[in-house]
Amino acid sequence: VRIYDLGHTFLTRWPNMVAKGIGAFHSGVEVYGTEWSFGMTQDYWSTGIAGNLPGHHPDHAFRETLSMGCTTLSQGQVMDIIKDMTKEWKGRTYDVLSRNCHHFSDELCSRLGVARLPVWVNKLAGTTASAAGMLEGVSSTGAYVASDVLGLVGSAAGGVYSLFAGAPEPVQQEPA
């Protein structure tokens, strides 16, 4: 698994160096010479899965490699898994907290029969999602406050991601 700092700036590398356990990262899984990762798309039909040269993601700065083991599957079997996953992992299903590149990497590692991602890789999203989940559990008397705070948490998480990775393109309307 390749781990990247989001974007290519000091703004992303410095916080990740200081607090690796809650940093903002991107991940991809290398298998048979291709690195597979997941990201957001602006349309409803494109897969969010992309293959690139290992350690050279065009949008992020390489940080480190984690060894997850070697798959016993053939290259053809791996390509069948990737093909199946392209149907399940559409780019419009990307969610910074609950369905991001790390969730994809962890799922691909599982299907390859190798070790799963270490918790620290996706800790920022997991911690933020947990906080949002706790706020959702607030009683009905606090529902408006919880809704406002959840909106703020979601906006902050998306804003932090955009700060590091760049602003997303305008959203296209779903085809009729």
C-alpha atoms as a PDB file:
ATOM      1  CA  VAL A   1       0.000   0.000   0.000  1.00  0.00           C
ATOM      2  CA  ARG A   2       1.289   3.428  -0.930  1.00  0.00           C
ATOM      3  CA  ILE A   3       0.530   6.300   1.426  1.00  0.00           C
ATOM      4  CA  TYR A   4       0.521   9.905   0.205  1.00  0.00           C
ATOM      5  CA  ASP A   5       0.158  13.313   1.798  1.00  0.00           C
ATOM      6  CA  LEU A   6      -2.859  15.033   0.249  1.00  0.00           C
ATOM      7  CA  GLY A   7      -1.812  17.468  -2.455  1.00  0.00           C
ATOM      8  CA  HIS A   8       1.754  18.628  -3.069  1.00  0.00           C
ATOM      9  CA  THR A   9       2.220  21.432  -0.555  1.00  0.00           C
ATOM     10  CA  PHE A  10       3.892  22.022   2.800  1.00  0.00           C
ATOM     11  CA  LEU A  11       0.378  22.588   4.198  1.00  0.00           C
ATOM     12  CA  THR A  12      -0.277  18.862   3.867  1.00  0.00           C
ATOM     13  CA  ARG A  13       3.117  17.473   4.766  1.00  0.00           C
ATOM     14  CA  TRP A  14       3.733  19.433   7.955  1.00  0.00           C
ATOM     15  CA  PRO A  15       0.596  18.378   9.895  1.00  0.00           C
ATOM     16  CA  ASN A  16       1.098  14.769   8.799  1.00  0.00           C
ATOM     17  CA  MET A  17       4.705  14.836  10.076  1.00  0.00           C
ATOM     18  CA  VAL A  18       3.632  16.282  13.424  1.00  0.00           C
ATOM     19  CA  ALA A  19       0.603  14.051  14.031  1.00  0.00           C
ATOM     20  CA  LYS A  20       0.826  10.974  11.795  1.00  0.00           C
ATOM     21  CA  GLY A  21      -1.831   9.190  13.845  1.00  0.00           C
ATOM     22  CA  ILE A  22      -4.525  11.656  12.780  1.00  0.00           C
ATOM     23  CA  GLY A  23      -3.113  12.912   9.495  1.00  0.00           C
ATOM     24  CA  ALA A  24      -4.828  13.473   6.167  1.00  0.00           C
ATOM     25  CA  PHE A  25      -3.611  10.880   3.673  1.00  0.00           C
ATOM     26  CA  HIS A  26      -4.389   9.212   0.354  1.00  0.00           C
ATOM     27  CA  SER A  27      -3.769   5.511  -0.236  1.00  0.00           C
ATOM     28  CA  GLY A  28      -3.489   3.127  -3.163  1.00  0.00           C
ATOM     29  CA  VAL A  29      -2.762  -0.593  -3.470  1.00  0.00           C
ATOM     30  CA  GLU A  30       0.048  -1.833  -5.698  1.00  0.00           C
ATOM     31  CA  VAL A  31      -0.432  -5.232  -7.273  1.00  0.00           C
ATOM     32  CA  TYR A  32       1.307  -6.619 -10.382  1.00  0.00           C
ATOM     33  CA  GLY A  33       2.990  -3.296 -11.145  1.00  0.00           C
ATOM     34  CA  THR A  34      -0.087  -1.053 -11.046  1.00  0.00           C
ATOM     35  CA  GLU A  35      -1.272   1.044  -8.130  1.00  0.00           C
ATOM     36  CA  TRP A  36      -5.069   1.103  -7.740  1.00  0.00           C
ATOM     37  CA  SER A  37      -6.874   3.850  -5.850  1.00  0.00           C
ATOM     38  CA  PHE A  38     -10.303   5.428  -5.501  1.00  0.00           C
ATOM     39  CA  GLY A  39     -11.382   9.028  -5.853  1.00  0.00           C
ATOM     40  CA  MET A  40     -14.332  11.280  -6.576  1.00  0.00           C
ATOM     41  CA  THR A  41     -15.747  11.886 -10.056  1.00  0.00           C
ATOM     42  CA  GLN A  42     -18.245  14.530 -11.110  1.00  0.00           C
ATOM     43  CA  ASP A  43     -20.563  12.357 -13.170  1.00  0.00           C
ATOM     44  CA  TYR A  44     -22.832   9.453 -12.280  1.00  0.00           C
ATOM     45  CA  TRP A  45     -21.426   6.789 -14.576  1.00  0.00           C
ATOM     46  CA  SER A  46     -17.627   6.878 -14.172  1.00  0.00           C
ATOM     47  CA  THR A  47     -15.785   4.564 -11.871  1.00  0.00           C
ATOM     48  CA  GLY A  48     -13.749   6.201  -9.146  1.00  0.00           C
ATOM     49  CA  ILE A  49     -11.042   3.547  -9.489  1.00  0.00           C
ATOM     50  CA  ALA A  50      -7.866   4.532 -11.287  1.00  0.00           C
ATOM     51  CA  GLY A  51      -4.607   2.757 -11.960  1.00  0.00           C
ATOM     52  CA  ASN A  52      -1.276   4.556 -12.051  1.00  0.00           C
ATOM     53  CA  LEU A  53       2.452   4.025 -11.743  1.00  0.00           C
ATOM     54  CA  PRO A  54       3.232   2.956  -8.141  1.00  0.00           C
ATOM     55  CA  GLY A  55       4.370   5.854  -5.959  1.00  0.00           C
ATOM     56  CA  HIS A  56       3.442   8.470  -8.568  1.00  0.00           C
ATOM     57  CA  HIS A  57      -0.122   9.643  -7.951  1.00  0.00           C
ATOM     58  CA  PRO A  58      -0.713  12.816 -10.000  1.00  0.00           C
ATOM     59  CA  ASP A  59      -2.606  14.652  -7.219  1.00  0.00           C
ATOM     60  CA  HIS A  60      -0.713  13.668  -4.062  1.00  0.00           C
ATOM     61  CA  ALA A  61       2.848  13.600  -2.666  1.00  0.00           C
ATOM     62  CA  PHE A  62       4.294  10.134  -1.969  1.00  0.00           C
ATOM     63  CA  ARG A  63       4.996   9.529   1.725  1.00  0.00           C
ATOM     64  CA  GLU A  64       5.691   5.836   2.417  1.00  0.00           C
ATOM     65  CA  THR A  65       5.035   2.224   1.477  1.00  0.00           C
ATOM     66  CA  LEU A  66       3.347  -0.279   3.791  1.00  0.00           C
ATOM     67  CA  SER A  67       3.882  -3.977   3.102  1.00  0.00           C
ATOM     68  CA  MET A  68       0.609  -5.878   3.342  1.00  0.00           C
ATOM     69  CA  GLY A  69       1.975  -9.179   2.040  1.00  0.00           C
ATOM     70  CA  CYS A  70       1.745 -10.871  -1.348  1.00  0.00           C
ATOM     71  CA  THR A  71      -1.430 -12.109  -2.959  1.00  0.00           C
ATOM     72  CA  THR A  72      -1.688 -15.716  -4.076  1.00  0.00           C
ATOM     73  CA  LEU A  73      -4.085 -14.683  -6.860  1.00  0.00           C
ATOM     74  CA  SER A  74      -3.019 -14.636 -10.500  1.00  0.00           C
ATOM     75  CA  GLN A  75      -2.830 -11.390 -12.471  1.00  0.00           C
ATOM     76  CA  GLY A  76      -6.020 -12.416 -14.301  1.00  0.00           C
ATOM     77  CA  GLN A  77      -7.845 -13.032 -11.012  1.00  0.00           C
ATOM     78  CA  VAL A  78      -6.714  -9.626  -9.740  1.00  0.00           C
ATOM     79  CA  MET A  79      -7.991  -7.940 -12.903  1.00  0.00           C
ATOM     80  CA  ASP A  80     -11.346  -9.705 -12.444  1.00  0.00           C
ATOM     81  CA  ILE A  81     -11.538  -8.262  -8.908  1.00  0.00           C
ATOM     82  CA  ILE A  82     -10.686  -4.766 -10.186  1.00  0.00           C
ATOM     83  CA  LYS A  83     -13.305  -5.111 -12.940  1.00  0.00           C
ATOM     84  CA  ASP A  84     -15.955  -6.124 -10.395  1.00  0.00           C
ATOM     85  CA  MET A  85     -14.969  -3.289  -8.076  1.00  0.00           C
ATOM     86  CA  THR A  86     -15.242  -0.676 -10.864  1.00  0.00           C
ATOM     87  CA  LYS A  87     -18.978  -1.412 -10.926  1.00  0.00           C
ATOM     88  CA  GLU A  88     -19.316  -1.040  -7.135  1.00  0.00           C
ATOM     89  CA  TRP A  89     -17.000   1.955  -6.620  1.00  0.00           C
ATOM     90  CA  LYS A  90     -18.448   4.738  -8.759  1.00  0.00           C
ATOM     91  CA  GLY A  91     -16.747   8.072  -8.235  1.00  0.00           C
ATOM     92  CA  ARG A  92     -19.995   9.804  -7.218  1.00  0.00           C
ATOM     93  CA  THR A  93     -20.270   7.442  -4.224  1.00  0.00           C
ATOM     94  CA  TYR A  94     -17.069   8.913  -2.752  1.00  0.00           C
ATOM     95  CA  ASP A  95     -17.560  10.308   0.747  1.00  0.00           C
ATOM     96  CA  VAL A  96     -14.626  11.776   2.659  1.00  0.00           C
ATOM     97  CA  LEU A  97     -15.813  10.180   5.936  1.00  0.00           C
ATOM     98  CA  SER A  98     -17.469   6.887   5.021  1.00  0.00           C
ATOM     99  CA  ARG A  99     -16.352   5.805   1.520  1.00  0.00           C
ATOM    100  CA  ASN A 100     -12.924   7.177   0.697  1.00  0.00           C
ATOM    101  CA  CYS A 101      -9.673   5.928  -0.843  1.00  0.00           C
ATOM    102  CA  HIS A 102      -8.737   4.134   2.381  1.00  0.00           C
ATOM    103  CA  HIS A 103     -12.016   2.214   2.490  1.00  0.00           C
ATOM    104  CA  PHE A 104     -11.328   1.137  -1.093  1.00  0.00           C
ATOM    105  CA  SER A 105      -7.717   0.178  -0.324  1.00  0.00           C
ATOM    106  CA  ASP A 106      -8.812  -1.836   2.706  1.00  0.00           C
ATOM    107  CA  GLU A 107     -11.499  -3.644   0.673  1.00  0.00           C
ATOM    108  CA  LEU A 108      -9.065  -4.402  -2.156  1.00  0.00           C
ATOM    109  CA  CYS A 109      -6.487  -5.746   0.311  1.00  0.00           C
ATOM    110  CA  SER A 110      -9.178  -7.974   1.810  1.00  0.00           C
ATOM    111  CA  ARG A 111     -10.164  -9.329  -1.607  1.00  0.00           C
ATOM    112  CA  LEU A 112      -6.503  -9.931  -2.446  1.00  0.00           C
ATOM    113  CA  GLY A 113      -6.135 -11.999   0.740  1.00  0.00           C
ATOM    114  CA  VAL A 114      -3.457  -9.793   2.281  1.00  0.00           C
ATOM    115  CA  ALA A 115      -3.318  -7.761   5.506  1.00  0.00           C
ATOM    116  CA  ARG A 116      -5.857  -4.958   6.050  1.00  0.00           C
ATOM    117  CA  LEU A 117      -4.906  -1.282   6.331  1.00  0.00           C
ATOM    118  CA  PRO A 118      -3.595  -0.129   9.719  1.00  0.00           C
ATOM    119  CA  VAL A 119      -6.139   1.960  11.629  1.00  0.00           C
ATOM    120  CA  TRP A 120      -3.965   5.106  11.662  1.00  0.00           C
ATOM    121  CA  VAL A 121      -4.266   5.484   7.869  1.00  0.00           C
ATOM    122  CA  ASN A 122      -7.972   6.371   8.034  1.00  0.00           C
ATOM    123  CA  LYS A 123      -8.144   7.599  11.630  1.00  0.00           C
ATOM    124  CA  LEU A 124      -9.020  11.206  10.733  1.00  0.00           C
ATOM    125  CA  ALA A 125     -12.127  10.140   8.782  1.00  0.00           C
ATOM    126  CA  GLY A 126     -13.055   7.540  11.397  1.00  0.00           C
ATOM    127  CA  THR A 127     -12.742  10.000  14.273  1.00  0.00           C
ATOM    128  CA  THR A 128     -14.748  12.642  12.422  1.00  0.00           C
ATOM    129  CA  ALA A 129     -17.435  10.110  11.439  1.00  0.00           C
ATOM    130  CA  SER A 130     -17.649   8.897  15.062  1.00  0.00           C
ATOM    131  CA  ALA A 131     -18.125  12.447  16.301  1.00  0.00           C
ATOM    132  CA  ALA A 132     -20.837  12.992  13.697  1.00  0.00           C
ATOM    133  CA  GLY A 133     -22.508   9.733  14.745  1.00  0.00           C
ATOM    134  CA  MET A 134     -22.548  10.769  18.396  1.00  0.00           C
ATOM    135  CA  LEU A 135     -24.143  14.059  17.447  1.00  0.00           C
ATOM    136  CA  GLU A 136     -26.828  12.242  15.453  1.00  0.00           C
ATOM    137  CA  GLY A 137     -27.774  10.448  18.667  1.00  0.00           C
ATOM    138  CA  VAL A 138     -28.723  13.681  20.441  1.00  0.00           C
ATOM    139  CA  SER A 139     -32.319  13.670  21.674  1.00  0.00           C
ATOM    140  CA  SER A 140     -35.061  15.331  19.643  1.00  0.00           C
ATOM    141  CA  THR A 141     -34.878  18.438  21.857  1.00  0.00           C
ATOM    142  CA  GLY A 142     -31.369  19.004  20.575  1.00  0.00           C
ATOM    143  CA  ALA A 143     -32.083  17.917  17.012  1.00  0.00           C
ATOM    144  CA  TYR A 144     -31.683  21.366  15.482  1.00  0.00           C
ATOM    145  CA  VAL A 145     -28.391  21.943  17.279  1.00  0.00           C
ATOM    146  CA  ALA A 146     -27.142  18.478  16.298  1.00  0.00           C
ATOM    147  CA  SER A 147     -28.137  19.076  12.682  1.00  0.00           C
ATOM    148  CA  ASP A 148     -26.276  22.387  12.623  1.00  0.00           C
ATOM    149  CA  VAL A 149     -23.182  20.853  14.227  1.00  0.00           C
ATOM    150  CA  LEU A 150     -23.290  17.868  11.836  1.00  0.00           C
ATOM    151  CA  GLY A 151     -23.464  20.277   8.921  1.00  0.00           C
ATOM    152  CA  LEU A 152     -20.498  22.159  10.311  1.00  0.00           C
ATOM    153  CA  VAL A 153     -18.477  18.953  10.830  1.00  0.00           C
ATOM    154  CA  GLY A 154     -19.269  17.769   7.299  1.00  0.00           C
ATOM    155  CA  SER A 155     -18.416  21.147   5.808  1.00  0.00           C
ATOM    156  CA  ALA A 156     -15.190  21.317   7.796  1.00  0.00           C
ATOM    157  CA  ALA A 157     -14.145  17.826   6.710  1.00  0.00           C
ATOM    158  CA  GLY A 158     -14.912  18.602   3.075  1.00  0.00           C
ATOM    159  CA  GLY A 159     -13.208  21.981   3.376  1.00  0.00           C
ATOM    160  CA  VAL A 160     -10.070  20.445   4.875  1.00  0.00           C
ATOM    161  CA  TYR A 161      -9.993  17.886   2.067  1.00  0.00           C
ATOM    162  CA  SER A 162     -10.464  20.634  -0.555  1.00  0.00           C
ATOM    163  CA  LEU A 163      -7.726  22.731   1.043  1.00  0.00           C
ATOM    164  CA  PHE A 164      -5.256  19.879   0.674  1.00  0.00           C
ATOM    165  CA  ALA A 165      -6.440  18.182  -2.498  1.00  0.00           C
ATOM    166  CA  GLY A 166      -7.932  21.120  -4.408  1.00  0.00           C
ATOM    167  CA  ALA A 167     -11.479  22.297  -4.907  1.00  0.00           C
ATOM    168  CA  PRO A 168     -13.792  19.860  -6.705  1.00  0.00           C
ATOM    169  CA  GLU A 169     -15.220  20.638 -10.112  1.00  0.00           C
ATOM    170  CA  PRO A 170     -18.859  21.813 -10.273  1.00  0.00           C
ATOM    171  CA  VAL A 171     -21.288  18.914  -9.892  1.00  0.00           C
ATOM    172  CA  GLN A 172     -23.027  17.791 -13.095  1.00  0.00           C
ATOM    173  CA  GLN A 173     -26.732  17.056 -13.000  1.00  0.00           C
ATOM    174  CA  GLU A 174     -27.784  13.409 -13.027  1.00  0.00           C
ATOM    175  CA  PRO A 175     -28.791  12.311 -16.539  1.00  0.00           C
ATOM    176  CA  ALA A 176     -32.542  11.956 -17.079  1.00  0.00           C
END
